[in-house]
N, C-alpha and C. Protein backbone atom coordinates (compact mmCIF):
# COMPACT_ATOMS: atom_id res chain seq x y z
N MET A 1 42.39 26.45 -23.02
CA MET A 1 43.79 26.76 -22.73
C MET A 1 44.67 26.24 -23.86
N LYS A 2 45.71 27.00 -24.12
CA LYS A 2 46.66 26.65 -25.18
C LYS A 2 48.08 26.81 -24.66
N LEU A 3 48.98 26.05 -25.23
CA LEU A 3 50.41 26.28 -25.06
C LEU A 3 50.84 27.08 -26.27
N LEU A 4 51.27 28.30 -26.06
CA LEU A 4 51.76 29.15 -27.13
C LEU A 4 53.28 29.09 -27.11
N VAL A 5 53.86 28.80 -28.25
CA VAL A 5 55.32 28.73 -28.39
C VAL A 5 55.72 29.75 -29.44
N PHE A 6 56.64 30.62 -29.08
CA PHE A 6 57.15 31.63 -30.01
C PHE A 6 58.66 31.58 -30.03
N VAL A 7 59.23 31.25 -31.18
CA VAL A 7 60.68 31.27 -31.38
C VAL A 7 61.02 32.63 -31.95
N LEU A 8 61.74 33.42 -31.18
CA LEU A 8 62.10 34.78 -31.56
C LEU A 8 63.52 34.79 -32.12
N ASN A 9 63.64 35.12 -33.38
CA ASN A 9 64.97 35.21 -33.99
C ASN A 9 65.66 36.52 -33.66
N LYS A 10 64.88 37.59 -33.59
CA LYS A 10 65.43 38.92 -33.33
C LYS A 10 65.52 39.14 -31.82
N ILE A 11 66.53 38.53 -31.21
CA ILE A 11 66.60 38.53 -29.74
C ILE A 11 66.79 39.93 -29.16
N GLU A 12 67.23 40.88 -29.96
CA GLU A 12 67.36 42.26 -29.47
C GLU A 12 65.99 42.88 -29.20
N LYS A 13 64.93 42.25 -29.65
CA LYS A 13 63.56 42.73 -29.43
C LYS A 13 62.92 42.11 -28.19
N LEU A 14 63.62 41.21 -27.50
CA LEU A 14 63.02 40.48 -26.39
C LEU A 14 62.51 41.39 -25.28
N ASP A 15 63.33 42.31 -24.80
CA ASP A 15 62.90 43.18 -23.70
C ASP A 15 61.66 43.99 -24.07
N ALA A 16 61.66 44.57 -25.26
CA ALA A 16 60.51 45.35 -25.70
C ALA A 16 59.27 44.47 -25.84
N LEU A 17 59.45 43.24 -26.30
CA LEU A 17 58.33 42.32 -26.44
C LEU A 17 57.74 41.98 -25.08
N LEU A 18 58.59 41.66 -24.11
CA LEU A 18 58.10 41.32 -22.78
C LEU A 18 57.39 42.50 -22.13
N GLU A 19 57.93 43.68 -22.30
CA GLU A 19 57.30 44.88 -21.73
C GLU A 19 55.92 45.12 -22.35
N GLU A 20 55.82 44.97 -23.66
CA GLU A 20 54.53 45.20 -24.32
C GLU A 20 53.52 44.11 -23.98
N LEU A 21 53.98 42.87 -23.83
CA LEU A 21 53.07 41.82 -23.37
C LEU A 21 52.53 42.16 -21.99
N ALA A 22 53.40 42.59 -21.09
CA ALA A 22 52.98 42.98 -19.74
C ALA A 22 52.00 44.15 -19.78
N ASN A 23 52.25 45.11 -20.67
CA ASN A 23 51.34 46.24 -20.82
C ASN A 23 49.95 45.80 -21.27
N ASN A 24 49.87 44.63 -21.88
CA ASN A 24 48.59 44.07 -22.34
C ASN A 24 48.08 42.96 -21.41
N GLN A 25 48.57 42.98 -20.17
CA GLN A 25 48.16 42.02 -19.14
C GLN A 25 48.44 40.56 -19.52
N ILE A 26 49.51 40.35 -20.27
CA ILE A 26 49.96 39.00 -20.63
C ILE A 26 51.25 38.75 -19.85
N SER A 27 51.25 37.71 -19.04
CA SER A 27 52.44 37.39 -18.25
C SER A 27 52.60 35.88 -18.16
N GLY A 28 53.68 35.46 -17.56
CA GLY A 28 53.88 34.04 -17.30
C GLY A 28 54.66 33.29 -18.36
N ALA A 29 55.48 33.97 -19.14
CA ALA A 29 56.28 33.29 -20.15
C ALA A 29 57.51 32.65 -19.52
N THR A 30 57.86 31.49 -20.01
CA THR A 30 59.14 30.86 -19.69
C THR A 30 60.00 30.99 -20.94
N ILE A 31 61.24 31.45 -20.76
CA ILE A 31 62.09 31.78 -21.90
C ILE A 31 63.34 30.90 -21.89
N PHE A 32 63.62 30.29 -23.03
CA PHE A 32 64.79 29.44 -23.20
C PHE A 32 65.70 30.04 -24.26
N ARG A 33 67.00 29.85 -24.10
CA ARG A 33 67.96 30.14 -25.16
C ARG A 33 67.98 28.90 -26.05
N THR A 34 67.76 29.09 -27.35
CA THR A 34 67.67 27.96 -28.26
C THR A 34 68.51 28.21 -29.50
N THR A 35 68.81 27.12 -30.20
CA THR A 35 69.56 27.17 -31.45
C THR A 35 68.85 26.28 -32.46
N GLY A 36 68.75 26.74 -33.69
CA GLY A 36 68.12 25.96 -34.74
C GLY A 36 68.97 24.79 -35.19
N MET A 37 68.32 23.80 -35.74
CA MET A 37 68.98 22.57 -36.16
C MET A 37 70.06 22.81 -37.22
N VAL A 38 69.75 23.61 -38.23
CA VAL A 38 70.73 23.84 -39.31
C VAL A 38 71.96 24.55 -38.75
N ARG A 39 71.74 25.57 -37.92
CA ARG A 39 72.87 26.29 -37.34
C ARG A 39 73.74 25.35 -36.49
N GLU A 40 73.11 24.50 -35.72
CA GLU A 40 73.86 23.55 -34.88
C GLU A 40 74.66 22.57 -35.73
N LEU A 41 74.03 22.04 -36.77
CA LEU A 41 74.74 21.11 -37.64
C LEU A 41 75.89 21.80 -38.37
N MET A 42 75.67 23.03 -38.81
CA MET A 42 76.73 23.76 -39.50
C MET A 42 77.91 24.04 -38.57
N SER A 43 77.65 24.24 -37.30
CA SER A 43 78.75 24.50 -36.38
C SER A 43 79.62 23.26 -36.19
N ARG A 44 79.10 22.11 -36.53
CA ARG A 44 79.84 20.85 -36.39
C ARG A 44 80.43 20.36 -37.70
N HIS A 45 79.84 20.79 -38.82
CA HIS A 45 80.26 20.31 -40.13
C HIS A 45 80.46 21.51 -41.05
N GLU A 46 81.67 21.77 -41.41
CA GLU A 46 81.95 22.90 -42.29
C GLU A 46 81.64 22.58 -43.75
N LEU A 47 81.68 21.34 -44.13
CA LEU A 47 81.48 20.96 -45.52
C LEU A 47 80.21 20.14 -45.66
N GLY A 48 79.94 19.73 -46.85
CA GLY A 48 78.80 18.86 -47.10
C GLY A 48 77.53 19.64 -47.35
N ILE A 49 76.43 18.95 -47.22
CA ILE A 49 75.12 19.53 -47.54
C ILE A 49 74.79 20.75 -46.69
N PHE A 50 75.29 20.82 -45.49
CA PHE A 50 74.95 21.93 -44.59
C PHE A 50 75.53 23.25 -45.06
N GLY A 51 76.58 23.21 -45.82
CA GLY A 51 77.16 24.42 -46.37
C GLY A 51 76.20 25.14 -47.31
N SER A 52 75.32 24.39 -47.95
CA SER A 52 74.36 24.99 -48.87
C SER A 52 73.29 25.80 -48.15
N PHE A 53 73.14 25.60 -46.85
CA PHE A 53 72.17 26.35 -46.06
C PHE A 53 72.73 27.66 -45.52
N ARG A 54 74.01 27.88 -45.67
CA ARG A 54 74.68 29.03 -45.09
C ARG A 54 74.02 30.36 -45.50
N HIS A 55 73.55 30.46 -46.73
CA HIS A 55 72.93 31.69 -47.21
C HIS A 55 71.58 31.98 -46.53
N LEU A 56 70.98 31.00 -45.90
CA LEU A 56 69.69 31.18 -45.24
C LEU A 56 69.82 31.75 -43.83
N LEU A 57 71.01 31.78 -43.30
CA LEU A 57 71.21 32.14 -41.90
C LEU A 57 71.72 33.56 -41.73
N ASP A 58 71.31 34.16 -40.64
CA ASP A 58 71.86 35.46 -40.22
C ASP A 58 73.18 35.15 -39.53
N ALA A 59 74.28 35.52 -40.16
CA ALA A 59 75.61 35.14 -39.66
C ALA A 59 75.89 35.69 -38.26
N ASP A 60 75.29 36.82 -37.91
CA ASP A 60 75.56 37.43 -36.61
C ASP A 60 74.78 36.78 -35.47
N ARG A 61 73.71 36.09 -35.80
CA ARG A 61 72.86 35.51 -34.76
C ARG A 61 73.32 34.09 -34.44
N LYS A 62 73.64 33.86 -33.19
CA LYS A 62 74.10 32.55 -32.76
C LYS A 62 72.97 31.71 -32.15
N GLU A 63 71.95 32.40 -31.62
CA GLU A 63 70.87 31.69 -30.95
C GLU A 63 69.57 32.47 -31.03
N ASN A 64 68.51 31.84 -30.58
CA ASN A 64 67.18 32.42 -30.54
C ASN A 64 66.73 32.46 -29.08
N ARG A 65 65.55 33.00 -28.88
CA ARG A 65 64.86 32.88 -27.60
C ARG A 65 63.52 32.22 -27.90
N THR A 66 63.18 31.21 -27.15
CA THR A 66 61.90 30.53 -27.32
C THR A 66 61.06 30.76 -26.08
N LEU A 67 59.87 31.33 -26.30
CA LEU A 67 58.94 31.63 -25.21
C LEU A 67 57.87 30.55 -25.18
N PHE A 68 57.61 30.02 -24.00
CA PHE A 68 56.52 29.08 -23.76
C PHE A 68 55.53 29.79 -22.84
N MET A 69 54.25 29.78 -23.24
CA MET A 69 53.24 30.46 -22.44
C MET A 69 51.97 29.61 -22.41
N VAL A 70 51.41 29.42 -21.23
CA VAL A 70 50.09 28.83 -21.09
C VAL A 70 49.12 30.00 -21.09
N VAL A 71 48.24 30.02 -22.09
CA VAL A 71 47.35 31.17 -22.26
C VAL A 71 45.92 30.72 -22.51
N LYS A 72 45.01 31.64 -22.25
CA LYS A 72 43.61 31.42 -22.62
C LYS A 72 43.49 31.64 -24.12
N THR A 73 42.62 30.92 -24.75
CA THR A 73 42.47 31.00 -26.20
C THR A 73 42.24 32.43 -26.66
N GLU A 74 41.46 33.20 -25.92
CA GLU A 74 41.16 34.58 -26.33
C GLU A 74 42.37 35.50 -26.23
N GLN A 75 43.43 35.10 -25.55
CA GLN A 75 44.64 35.92 -25.45
C GLN A 75 45.54 35.80 -26.68
N ILE A 76 45.34 34.78 -27.49
CA ILE A 76 46.23 34.52 -28.62
C ILE A 76 46.24 35.68 -29.60
N ALA A 77 45.08 36.22 -29.93
CA ALA A 77 45.01 37.35 -30.87
C ALA A 77 45.76 38.56 -30.33
N ILE A 78 45.67 38.81 -29.03
CA ILE A 78 46.39 39.93 -28.42
C ILE A 78 47.89 39.71 -28.53
N ILE A 79 48.33 38.51 -28.24
CA ILE A 79 49.76 38.18 -28.30
C ILE A 79 50.27 38.32 -29.73
N GLU A 80 49.52 37.82 -30.70
CA GLU A 80 49.92 37.96 -32.10
C GLU A 80 50.05 39.42 -32.50
N LYS A 81 49.12 40.25 -32.06
CA LYS A 81 49.16 41.68 -32.37
C LYS A 81 50.40 42.33 -31.77
N VAL A 82 50.71 42.00 -30.52
CA VAL A 82 51.89 42.55 -29.85
C VAL A 82 53.15 42.12 -30.58
N ILE A 83 53.24 40.85 -30.95
CA ILE A 83 54.42 40.35 -31.67
C ILE A 83 54.59 41.11 -32.98
N ASP A 84 53.50 41.28 -33.72
CA ASP A 84 53.60 42.01 -34.99
C ASP A 84 54.05 43.46 -34.78
N GLN A 85 53.57 44.09 -33.71
CA GLN A 85 53.94 45.48 -33.43
C GLN A 85 55.41 45.62 -33.05
N VAL A 86 55.88 44.71 -32.21
CA VAL A 86 57.23 44.84 -31.64
C VAL A 86 58.29 44.20 -32.54
N VAL A 87 58.01 43.00 -33.01
CA VAL A 87 59.01 42.22 -33.75
C VAL A 87 58.91 42.45 -35.25
N GLY A 88 57.71 42.67 -35.71
CA GLY A 88 57.47 42.77 -37.14
C GLY A 88 56.69 41.57 -37.62
N ASN A 89 56.40 41.53 -38.88
CA ASN A 89 55.61 40.46 -39.47
C ASN A 89 56.40 39.15 -39.42
N ILE A 90 55.91 38.19 -38.65
CA ILE A 90 56.66 36.93 -38.52
C ILE A 90 56.54 36.05 -39.75
N ASP A 91 55.74 36.49 -40.72
CA ASP A 91 55.71 35.77 -41.99
C ASP A 91 56.92 36.13 -42.86
N GLU A 92 57.65 37.17 -42.45
CA GLU A 92 58.88 37.54 -43.15
C GLU A 92 60.01 36.59 -42.72
N PRO A 93 60.95 36.31 -43.61
CA PRO A 93 62.05 35.40 -43.26
C PRO A 93 62.88 35.90 -42.08
N ASP A 94 63.40 34.95 -41.33
CA ASP A 94 64.35 35.21 -40.24
C ASP A 94 63.79 36.14 -39.16
N THR A 95 62.49 36.00 -38.89
CA THR A 95 61.85 36.80 -37.85
C THR A 95 61.47 35.93 -36.67
N GLY A 96 60.77 34.85 -36.91
CA GLY A 96 60.35 33.96 -35.84
C GLY A 96 59.29 33.00 -36.32
N ILE A 97 58.85 32.16 -35.40
CA ILE A 97 57.77 31.22 -35.69
C ILE A 97 56.90 31.14 -34.45
N LEU A 98 55.60 31.08 -34.68
CA LEU A 98 54.62 31.05 -33.60
C LEU A 98 53.65 29.91 -33.86
N PHE A 99 53.40 29.12 -32.83
CA PHE A 99 52.37 28.09 -32.95
C PHE A 99 51.77 27.82 -31.59
N THR A 100 50.58 27.21 -31.61
CA THR A 100 49.89 26.86 -30.37
C THR A 100 49.53 25.39 -30.40
N LEU A 101 49.41 24.84 -29.21
CA LEU A 101 48.99 23.45 -29.03
C LEU A 101 47.90 23.42 -27.97
N PRO A 102 46.93 22.54 -28.14
CA PRO A 102 45.89 22.44 -27.11
C PRO A 102 46.45 21.84 -25.83
N ILE A 103 45.93 22.30 -24.72
CA ILE A 103 46.31 21.75 -23.41
C ILE A 103 45.11 20.99 -22.86
N GLU A 104 45.31 19.73 -22.56
CA GLU A 104 44.23 18.92 -22.02
C GLU A 104 44.10 19.07 -20.52
N SER A 105 45.20 19.32 -19.85
CA SER A 105 45.18 19.43 -18.41
C SER A 105 46.29 20.37 -17.97
N VAL A 106 46.04 21.15 -16.93
CA VAL A 106 47.06 22.04 -16.41
C VAL A 106 46.87 22.15 -14.91
N ARG A 107 47.98 22.16 -14.20
CA ARG A 107 47.96 22.35 -12.75
C ARG A 107 48.99 23.43 -12.43
N GLY A 108 48.71 24.21 -11.42
CA GLY A 108 49.64 25.25 -11.02
C GLY A 108 49.50 26.52 -11.82
N TYR A 109 48.56 26.59 -12.73
CA TYR A 109 48.34 27.79 -13.54
C TYR A 109 47.65 28.83 -12.69
N LYS A 110 48.20 30.03 -12.65
CA LYS A 110 47.62 31.11 -11.86
C LYS A 110 46.71 31.94 -12.74
N HIS A 111 45.46 31.99 -12.41
CA HIS A 111 44.46 32.71 -13.22
C HIS A 111 44.54 34.20 -12.97
């Protein structure tokens, strides 16, 4: 079992992503509205070092969506394929970030 975390920058793709995950028998995501550290700091400080990061940000995007999913290891490749199909290559800038963590124990997980 793994904890899969996906930070989606292109939030307009969320509905299509969830639908395609469901079409591939992947369910059970918990979704949070999130904001990156640089964006949050810039909203508080107009000057200083944070101003130099302004060119890295999508000015229209105020927040992200972060998906948390408890998945079987063999589901990760399917999820990555769906993300690439719906969202695009997450290795491209300002698309998202995906990582997994091992789970030592889980309760309440519905198989």
